[in-house]
Every structure is written in structure tokens, then in C-alpha cells.
C-alpha atoms as a PDB file:
ATOM      1  CA  MET A   1      -0.128   0.109   0.161  1.00  0.00           C
ATOM      2  CA  ALA A   2       1.195   3.488  -1.168  1.00  0.00           C
ATOM      3  CA  LYS A   3       2.617   5.444   1.880  1.00  0.00           C
ATOM      4  CA  LYS A   4       0.590   8.750   2.455  1.00  0.00           C
ATOM      5  CA  ILE A   5       2.142  12.376   2.563  1.00  0.00           C
ATOM      6  CA  LEU A   6       0.539  15.597   3.826  1.00  0.00           C
ATOM      7  CA  LEU A   7       2.356  18.435   1.772  1.00  0.00           C
ATOM      8  CA  VAL A   8       1.627  21.992   3.049  1.00  0.00           C
ATOM      9  CA  GLU A   9       3.165  24.243   0.939  1.00  0.00           C
ATOM     10  CA  ASP A  10       1.670  27.671  -0.833  1.00  0.00           C
ATOM     11  CA  GLU A  11       4.160  28.380  -3.551  1.00  0.00           C
ATOM     12  CA  VAL A  12       2.710  26.719  -6.436  1.00  0.00           C
ATOM     13  CA  ALA A  13       5.687  25.917  -8.539  1.00  0.00           C
ATOM     14  CA  ILE A  14       7.370  24.231  -5.434  1.00  0.00           C
ATOM     15  CA  ARG A  15       4.151  22.591  -4.522  1.00  0.00           C
ATOM     16  CA  ASP A  16       3.636  21.063  -8.011  1.00  0.00           C
ATOM     17  CA  ILE A  17       7.151  19.872  -8.518  1.00  0.00           C
ATOM     18  CA  ILE A  18       7.312  18.218  -5.049  1.00  0.00           C
ATOM     19  CA  ASN A  19       3.970  16.603  -5.434  1.00  0.00           C
ATOM     20  CA  LEU A  20       4.945  15.282  -9.041  1.00  0.00           C
ATOM     21  CA  ASN A  21       8.092  13.816  -7.821  1.00  0.00           C
ATOM     22  CA  LEU A  22       6.624  12.334  -4.857  1.00  0.00           C
ATOM     23  CA  GLU A  23       3.960  10.533  -6.767  1.00  0.00           C
ATOM     24  CA  LEU A  24       6.453   9.280  -9.299  1.00  0.00           C
ATOM     25  CA  GLU A  25       8.270   7.768  -6.294  1.00  0.00           C
ATOM     26  CA  GLY A  26       4.946   5.916  -5.544  1.00  0.00           C
ATOM     27  CA  TYR A  27       3.570   8.193  -2.620  1.00  0.00           C
ATOM     28  CA  GLU A  28      -0.143   9.200  -2.255  1.00  0.00           C
ATOM     29  CA  VAL A  29       0.034  12.967  -1.794  1.00  0.00           C
ATOM     30  CA  THR A  30      -2.505  15.407  -0.254  1.00  0.00           C
ATOM     31  CA  ALA A  31      -1.393  18.961  -1.272  1.00  0.00           C
ATOM     32  CA  ILE A  32      -2.547  21.845   0.786  1.00  0.00           C
ATOM     33  CA  ALA A  33      -1.707  25.544   0.133  1.00  0.00           C
ATOM     34  CA  ASP A  34      -3.224  27.435   3.146  1.00  0.00           C
ATOM     35  CA  GLY A  35      -2.182  26.756   6.945  1.00  0.00           C
ATOM     36  CA  LYS A  36      -5.839  27.116   8.070  1.00  0.00           C
ATOM     37  CA  VAL A  37      -6.894  24.326   5.523  1.00  0.00           C
ATOM     38  CA  ALA A  38      -4.204  22.281   6.872  1.00  0.00           C
ATOM     39  CA  MET A  39      -5.352  22.748  10.427  1.00  0.00           C
ATOM     40  CA  ASP A  40      -8.454  20.699   9.479  1.00  0.00           C
ATOM     41  CA  GLN A  41      -6.112  17.627   9.068  1.00  0.00           C
ATOM     42  CA  LEU A  42      -5.664  17.326  12.923  1.00  0.00           C
ATOM     43  CA  HIS A  43      -8.013  14.444  13.052  1.00  0.00           C
ATOM     44  CA  ALA A  44      -6.612  12.749  10.398  1.00  0.00           C
ATOM     45  CA  LEU A  45      -2.996  13.112  10.864  1.00  0.00           C
ATOM     46  CA  ASP A  46      -2.081   9.452  11.881  1.00  0.00           C
ATOM     47  CA  SER A  47      -3.512   8.372   8.558  1.00  0.00           C
ATOM     48  CA  PHE A  48      -0.280   9.852   7.060  1.00  0.00           C
ATOM     49  CA  ASP A  49       3.226   8.624   7.036  1.00  0.00           C
ATOM     50  CA  LEU A  50       4.759  11.856   6.766  1.00  0.00           C
ATOM     51  CA  VAL A  51       3.975  15.621   6.773  1.00  0.00           C
ATOM     52  CA  ILE A  52       5.910  18.063   4.908  1.00  0.00           C
ATOM     53  CA  LEU A  53       5.532  21.663   6.092  1.00  0.00           C
ATOM     54  CA  ASP A  54       6.697  25.088   4.730  1.00  0.00           C
ATOM     55  CA  VAL A  55       7.242  27.777   7.592  1.00  0.00           C
ATOM     56  CA  MET A  56       5.692  30.783   5.917  1.00  0.00           C
ATOM     57  CA  LEU A  57       2.208  30.141   5.157  1.00  0.00           C
ATOM     58  CA  PRO A  58      -1.318  31.978   4.914  1.00  0.00           C
ATOM     59  CA  HIS A  59      -3.268  32.410   8.005  1.00  0.00           C
ATOM     60  CA  VAL A  60      -1.450  29.804  10.109  1.00  0.00           C
ATOM     61  CA  SER A  61       2.290  29.349  10.080  1.00  0.00           C
ATOM     62  CA  GLY A  62       4.178  26.162   9.800  1.00  0.00           C
ATOM     63  CA  PHE A  63       5.456  26.380  13.360  1.00  0.00           C
ATOM     64  CA  ASP A  64       2.150  26.951  14.510  1.00  0.00           C
ATOM     65  CA  LEU A  65       0.871  24.008  12.602  1.00  0.00           C
ATOM     66  CA  CYS A  66       3.641  21.714  13.832  1.00  0.00           C
ATOM     67  CA  ARG A  67       2.819  22.922  17.629  1.00  0.00           C
ATOM     68  CA  ALA A  68      -0.776  21.703  17.007  1.00  0.00           C
ATOM     69  CA  PHE A  69       0.130  18.558  15.210  1.00  0.00           C
ATOM     70  CA  ARG A  70       2.646  17.180  18.004  1.00  0.00           C
ATOM     71  CA  ARG A  71      -0.309  17.886  20.543  1.00  0.00           C
ATOM     72  CA  VAL A  72      -2.276  14.984  19.024  1.00  0.00           C
ATOM     73  CA  SER A  73       0.193  12.900  16.825  1.00  0.00           C
ATOM     74  CA  ASN A  74       3.783  11.745  16.604  1.00  0.00           C
ATOM     75  CA  VAL A  75       3.665  11.547  12.783  1.00  0.00           C
ATOM     76  CA  PRO A  76       7.054  12.572  11.378  1.00  0.00           C
ATOM     77  CA  ILE A  77       7.371  16.240  10.226  1.00  0.00           C
ATOM     78  CA  LEU A  78       9.798  17.698   7.663  1.00  0.00           C
ATOM     79  CA  PHE A  79       9.935  21.592   7.440  1.00  0.00           C
ATOM     80  CA  LEU A  80      10.780  23.041   4.276  1.00  0.00           C
ATOM     81  CA  SER A  81      11.705  26.831   4.511  1.00  0.00           C
ATOM     82  CA  ALA A  82      13.320  29.629   2.867  1.00  0.00           C
ATOM     83  CA  LYS A  83      14.025  30.677   6.564  1.00  0.00           C
ATOM     84  CA  GLY A  84      17.098  28.446   6.882  1.00  0.00           C
ATOM     85  CA  THR A  85      19.240  30.131   9.677  1.00  0.00           C
ATOM     86  CA  THR A  86      20.418  28.021  12.596  1.00  0.00           C
ATOM     87  CA  THR A  87      17.934  29.743  14.970  1.00  0.00           C
ATOM     88  CA  ASP A  88      15.000  29.055  12.573  1.00  0.00           C
ATOM     89  CA  ARG A  89      16.109  25.143  12.409  1.00  0.00           C
ATOM     90  CA  ILE A  90      16.559  24.892  16.078  1.00  0.00           C
ATOM     91  CA  ALA A  91      12.955  26.453  16.572  1.00  0.00           C
ATOM     92  CA  GLY A  92      11.368  24.175  14.197  1.00  0.00           C
ATOM     93  CA  LEU A  93      13.230  21.042  15.768  1.00  0.00           C
ATOM     94  CA  LYS A  94      12.335  22.195  19.472  1.00  0.00           C
ATOM     95  CA  LEU A  95       8.650  22.249  18.301  1.00  0.00           C
ATOM     96  CA  GLY A  96       9.056  18.542  17.596  1.00  0.00           C
ATOM     97  CA  ALA A  97       9.860  18.418  13.818  1.00  0.00           C
ATOM     98  CA  ASN A  98      12.127  15.405  13.050  1.00  0.00           C
ATOM     99  CA  ASP A  99      14.064  17.182  10.364  1.00  0.00           C
ATOM    100  CA  TYR A 100      14.400  20.693   8.712  1.00  0.00           C
ATOM    101  CA  LEU A 101      15.595  21.423   5.099  1.00  0.00           C
ATOM    102  CA  PRO A 102      16.342  24.877   3.855  1.00  0.00           C
ATOM    103  CA  LYS A 103      15.224  26.209   0.564  1.00  0.00           C
ATOM    104  CA  PRO A 104      16.647  26.096  -2.163  1.00  0.00           C
ATOM    105  CA  PHE A 105      17.065  22.341  -1.734  1.00  0.00           C
ATOM    106  CA  ASP A 106      18.199  19.399  -4.074  1.00  0.00           C
ATOM    107  CA  LEU A 107      15.281  17.688  -5.064  1.00  0.00           C
ATOM    108  CA  GLU A 108      17.279  14.172  -4.689  1.00  0.00           C
ATOM    109  CA  GLU A 109      18.202  15.052  -0.995  1.00  0.00           C
ATOM    110  CA  LEU A 110      14.488  15.945  -0.350  1.00  0.00           C
ATOM    111  CA  LEU A 111      13.520  12.631  -1.596  1.00  0.00           C
ATOM    112  CA  LEU A 112      16.064  10.602   0.390  1.00  0.00           C
ATOM    113  CA  ARG A 113      15.202  12.622   3.605  1.00  0.00           C
ATOM    114  CA  VAL A 114      11.281  11.778   2.775  1.00  0.00           C
ATOM    115  CA  SER A 115      12.248   8.133   2.266  1.00  0.00           C
ATOM    116  CA  ILE A 116      13.865   7.965   5.699  1.00  0.00           C
ATOM    117  CA  LEU A 117      11.163   9.737   7.692  1.00  0.00           C
ATOM    118  CA  ALA A 118       8.425   7.944   6.099  1.00  0.00           C
ATOM    119  CA  GLY A 119       9.845   4.629   7.179  1.00  0.00           C
ATOM    120  CA  LYS A 120      10.160   5.883  10.784  1.00  0.00           C
ATOM    121  CA  LYS A 121       6.424   5.535  11.300  1.00  0.00           C
ATOM    122  CA  GLU A 122       6.465   2.008  10.171  1.00  0.00           C
ATOM    123  CA  GLU A 123       9.329   1.268  12.402  1.00  0.00           C
ATOM    124  CA  ASN A 124       7.417   2.723  15.508  1.00  0.00           C
ATOM    125  CA  ARG A 125       3.944   1.567  14.529  1.00  0.00           C
ATOM    126  CA  SER A 126       4.148  -1.728  16.502  1.00  0.00           C
ATOM    127  CA  ILE A 127       5.542  -0.147  19.781  1.00  0.00           C
ATOM    128  CA  GLU A 128       2.759   1.318  21.397  1.00  0.00           C
ATOM    129  CA  ALA A 129       3.820   1.055  25.056  1.00  0.00           C
ATOM    130  CA  ILE A 130       6.636  -0.513  27.109  1.00  0.00           C
ATOM    131  CA  GLN A 131       6.864  -1.842  30.808  1.00  0.00           C
ATOM    132  CA  ILE A 132       9.913  -0.599  32.841  1.00  0.00           C
ATOM    133  CA  GLY A 133       9.630  -2.014  36.289  1.00  0.00           C
ATOM    134  CA  ASP A 134       6.406  -1.110  38.027  1.00  0.00           C
ATOM    135  CA  LYS A 135       5.942   1.726  35.277  1.00  0.00           C
ATOM    136  CA  ARG A 136       4.283   1.692  31.924  1.00  0.00           C
ATOM    137  CA  VAL A 137       5.249   4.228  29.141  1.00  0.00           C
ATOM    138  CA  ASP A 138       2.345   4.965  26.566  1.00  0.00           C
ATOM    139  CA  PHE A 139       4.101   6.099  23.466  1.00  0.00           C
ATOM    140  CA  LYS A 140       0.958   7.737  21.997  1.00  0.00           C
ATOM    141  CA  SER A 141       0.142   9.952  24.855  1.00  0.00           C
ATOM    142  CA  PHE A 142       3.750  10.261  26.142  1.00  0.00           C
ATOM    143  CA  GLN A 143       2.513   9.447  29.842  1.00  0.00           C
ATOM    144  CA  VAL A 144       3.950   7.292  32.293  1.00  0.00           C
ATOM    145  CA  TYR A 145       1.758   5.250  34.563  1.00  0.00           C
ATOM    146  CA  CYS A 146       2.137   3.397  37.735  1.00  0.00           C
ATOM    147  CA  GLY A 147      -0.843   1.236  37.932  1.00  0.00           C
ATOM    148  CA  SER A 148      -3.913   3.433  36.842  1.00  0.00           C
ATOM    149  CA  GLU A 149      -2.197   6.485  38.111  1.00  0.00           C
ATOM    150  CA  MET A 150      -0.368   8.862  35.724  1.00  0.00           C
ATOM    151  CA  VAL A 151       2.959   9.776  37.292  1.00  0.00           C
ATOM    152  CA  ALA A 152       4.653  11.751  34.551  1.00  0.00           C
ATOM    153  CA  THR A 153       4.505  13.266  31.037  1.00  0.00           C
ATOM    154  CA  LEU A 154       7.834  12.856  28.838  1.00  0.00           C
ATOM    155  CA  SER A 155       8.965  14.996  25.933  1.00  0.00           C
ATOM    156  CA  LYS A 156       9.022  13.891  22.465  1.00  0.00           C
ATOM    157  CA  ARG A 157      12.795  13.416  22.541  1.00  0.00           C
ATOM    158  CA  GLU A 158      12.453  11.199  25.701  1.00  0.00           C
ATOM    159  CA  ILE A 159       9.946   9.019  24.073  1.00  0.00           C
ATOM    160  CA  ASP A 160      12.222   8.818  20.839  1.00  0.00           C
ATOM    161  CA  LEU A 161      15.157   7.510  23.153  1.00  0.00           C
ATOM    162  CA  LEU A 162      12.950   5.104  24.982  1.00  0.00           C
ATOM    163  CA  LYS A 163      11.887   3.789  21.563  1.00  0.00           C
ATOM    164  CA  LEU A 164      15.427   3.536  20.452  1.00  0.00           C
ATOM    165  CA  PHE A 165      16.538   1.374  23.601  1.00  0.00           C
ATOM    166  CA  GLU A 166      13.257  -0.746  23.224  1.00  0.00           C
ATOM    167  CA  GLN A 167      14.344  -1.418  19.564  1.00  0.00           C
ATOM    168  CA  HIS A 168      17.870  -2.536  20.817  1.00  0.00           C
ATOM    169  CA  LYS A 169      17.074  -3.608  24.336  1.00  0.00           C
ATOM    170  CA  GLY A 170      20.014  -5.817  25.740  1.00  0.00           C
ATOM    171  CA  GLU A 171      22.433  -4.176  23.288  1.00  0.00           C
ATOM    172  CA  VAL A 172      25.118  -1.774  23.818  1.00  0.00           C
ATOM    173  CA  ILE A 173      24.319   1.330  22.155  1.00  0.00           C
ATOM    174  CA  SER A 174      27.022   3.950  21.444  1.00  0.00           C
ATOM    175  CA  ARG A 175      26.679   7.603  22.378  1.00  0.00           C
ATOM    176  CA  SER A 176      27.246   8.492  18.755  1.00  0.00           C
ATOM    177  CA  LYS A 177      24.327   6.422  17.622  1.00  0.00           C
ATOM    178  CA  ILE A 178      22.019   7.877  20.129  1.00  0.00           C
ATOM    179  CA  LEU A 179      22.869  11.314  18.900  1.00  0.00           C
ATOM    180  CA  ASP A 180      22.486  10.324  15.192  1.00  0.00           C
ATOM    181  CA  GLU A 181      19.164   8.338  15.762  1.00  0.00           C
ATOM    182  CA  VAL A 182      17.527  10.615  18.298  1.00  0.00           C
ATOM    183  CA  TRP A 183      19.231  14.178  17.741  1.00  0.00           C
ATOM    184  CA  GLY A 184      20.023  13.949  13.914  1.00  0.00           C
ATOM    185  CA  VAL A 185      23.227  14.592  12.314  1.00  0.00           C
ATOM    186  CA  GLU A 186      22.646  18.306  11.817  1.00  0.00           C
ATOM    187  CA  GLN A 187      22.326  19.111  15.399  1.00  0.00           C
ATOM    188  CA  PHE A 188      25.182  19.259  18.012  1.00  0.00           C
ATOM    189  CA  PRO A 189      24.550  18.282  21.353  1.00  0.00           C
ATOM    190  CA  THR A 190      27.039  16.939  23.503  1.00  0.00           C
ATOM    191  CA  SER A 191      27.241  13.344  25.159  1.00  0.00           C
ATOM    192  CA  ARG A 192      26.637  15.094  28.490  1.00  0.00           C
ATOM    193  CA  THR A 193      23.193  15.868  26.998  1.00  0.00           C
ATOM    194  CA  ILE A 194      22.548  12.057  26.896  1.00  0.00           C
ATOM    195  CA  ASP A 195      23.924  11.695  30.479  1.00  0.00           C
ATOM    196  CA  ASN A 196      21.218  14.059  31.667  1.00  0.00           C
ATOM    197  CA  TYR A 197      18.484  12.262  29.836  1.00  0.00           C
ATOM    198  CA  ILE A 198      19.544   9.042  31.387  1.00  0.00           C
ATOM    199  CA  LEU A 199      19.919  10.506  34.717  1.00  0.00           C
ATOM    200  CA  ASN A 200      16.112  11.604  34.625  1.00  0.00           C
ATOM    201  CA  PHE A 201      14.909   8.032  33.368  1.00  0.00           C
ATOM    202  CA  ARG A 202      16.994   6.497  36.309  1.00  0.00           C
ATOM    203  CA  LYS A 203      15.118   9.084  38.920  1.00  0.00           C
ATOM    204  CA  LEU A 204      11.825   8.008  37.208  1.00  0.00           C
ATOM    205  CA  PHE A 205      12.142   4.479  36.799  1.00  0.00           C
ATOM    206  CA  GLU A 206      14.891   3.060  39.056  1.00  0.00           C
ATOM    207  CA  MET A 207      14.275   1.970  42.499  1.00  0.00           C
ATOM    208  CA  ASP A 208      17.657   2.978  43.355  1.00  0.00           C
ATOM    209  CA  ALA A 209      19.097   5.479  40.710  1.00  0.00           C
ATOM    210  CA  ARG A 210      22.578   4.962  42.004  1.00  0.00           C
ATOM    211  CA  ASN A 211      22.432   1.119  41.379  1.00  0.00           C
ATOM    212  CA  PRO A 212      20.354   0.954  38.031  1.00  0.00           C
ATOM    213  CA  SER A 213      18.621  -2.224  36.830  1.00  0.00           C
ATOM    214  CA  PHE A 214      17.238  -0.911  33.667  1.00  0.00           C
ATOM    215  CA  PHE A 215      19.686   1.956  32.248  1.00  0.00           C
ATOM    216  CA  HIS A 216      23.192   0.882  32.496  1.00  0.00           C
ATOM    217  CA  SER A 217      26.290   3.004  31.618  1.00  0.00           C
ATOM    218  CA  ILE A 218      28.900   1.350  29.640  1.00  0.00           C
ATOM    219  CA  ARG A 219      32.275   3.257  30.279  1.00  0.00           C
ATOM    220  CA  GLY A 220      33.760   4.417  27.186  1.00  0.00           C
ATOM    221  CA  VAL A 221      30.942   3.298  24.890  1.00  0.00           C
ATOM    222  CA  GLY A 222      27.475   4.220  25.623  1.00  0.00           C
ATOM    223  CA  TYR A 223      24.363   2.597  27.378  1.00  0.00           C
ATOM    224  CA  LYS A 224      22.527  -0.627  27.559  1.00  0.00           C
ATOM    225  CA  PHE A 225      18.693  -1.083  28.296  1.00  0.00           C
ATOM    226  CA  THR A 226      17.504  -4.187  30.047  1.00  0.00           C
ATOM    227  CA  PRO A 227      13.724  -3.927  30.988  1.00  0.00           C
END
């Protein structure tokens, strides 16, 4: 079955060439030119495998759309924008976008990024929740439960990191792989950033954070998750 892409782009020429090339690659595309119209897709987001968003749109900006989309869905989001400064890219990624491609862009690079991002939903589709000790993490709501009580709400980055650990449970994952998979190759966090996330996980999930049972540090390499 063809993967579905929601394309929100108000520049006719760019929208048409992206639409054409995505369809030639076998994708089913829904193309929208107006941010307000795109907001009507909130109820249908999970039917898409990827959302491509321009930043500067009529009526509702791409940033505002991304913020609204992230409240209800974890669908991969790719920003396309003439606003390509580091500040703009960081702003888009902080809102929960998975990638940010400045205009003008190379069409082949766009198609490659689309292929990678559209596959992420398929990878994560079967993982809806995991149990860590006496707590359950719901990947759809980003919430952590102890029994029937909700005890915490995680960020998208924390959810993505837990999904990576779940996919490689029992394996040692290097810091560089974690940075590439969760933060992306165009961002430059330090390995200390990962350490802080792991510290927070230990405080939330471990009985004794100093003697972890689930999140293990492997000196000089990275981390291992053993649920």
C-alpha cells in the first residue's frame, strides 16, 4: 500500500514539483496551500506517514501547525523553508519536527529524507507502550503510569530515546548512535546531554538511581537498556 504524505506548501511551483516527484516515487500525496486548511487535517494525522511543512504559510504558520500537530500525533514532520538560519532550524526542531531542509534544496536530497522519515512511522507503529519495572510508558500519549495513576509526562525526545532503547534492548548502544538517531546529524548536542536524559530516566524508573537495574552505563561506549 502506498505511503501517504501531507504536503503543506503555498508556493505553487514548489508544491507542484514536489507533488509530482513524490507521486513518481509511489507516494500518495495530499497537497494543501493554506495553513488554516491544513489545520483541518488534525483529526486525520495518523493516517499519514509523513507531513512536509513550509514555515511561511497563509493564515497559520508552519511553526503553529507543527505545535498543534504534535499535541495529537507523533507523525514524522519535515520542515521546508526559505528561513534557513540555525536559529530557525533549532526553533522548528524544538517544536517537535524530525528534520528541517532549507530552501533552495536539492530534489534528490529531499526525496532521500522523505524516504527515511516516511519509514520511521512504520518502524515505530508496533511499539505502543513498554513496561519498565512497575511503570508503563504509553508512546501515544507520552505519559507514564504506575498502575492506573499517571505519574509523569515525557517529552518527544524522551519518547524517541526510549523507543531506540526498546528497539535495541539488551544491546550496548554507542553515544554517537544515540545522537545520530535521536538528535539527528545536523544538531550538535554533547554526550553530556544524553547523560542528563539517562539521569532523569533513572530518577523516574529505578528503585535506586545509583544502582540501576534498567539503564546501564557502559564506560567509554554508551548505554544498555535491560527492561
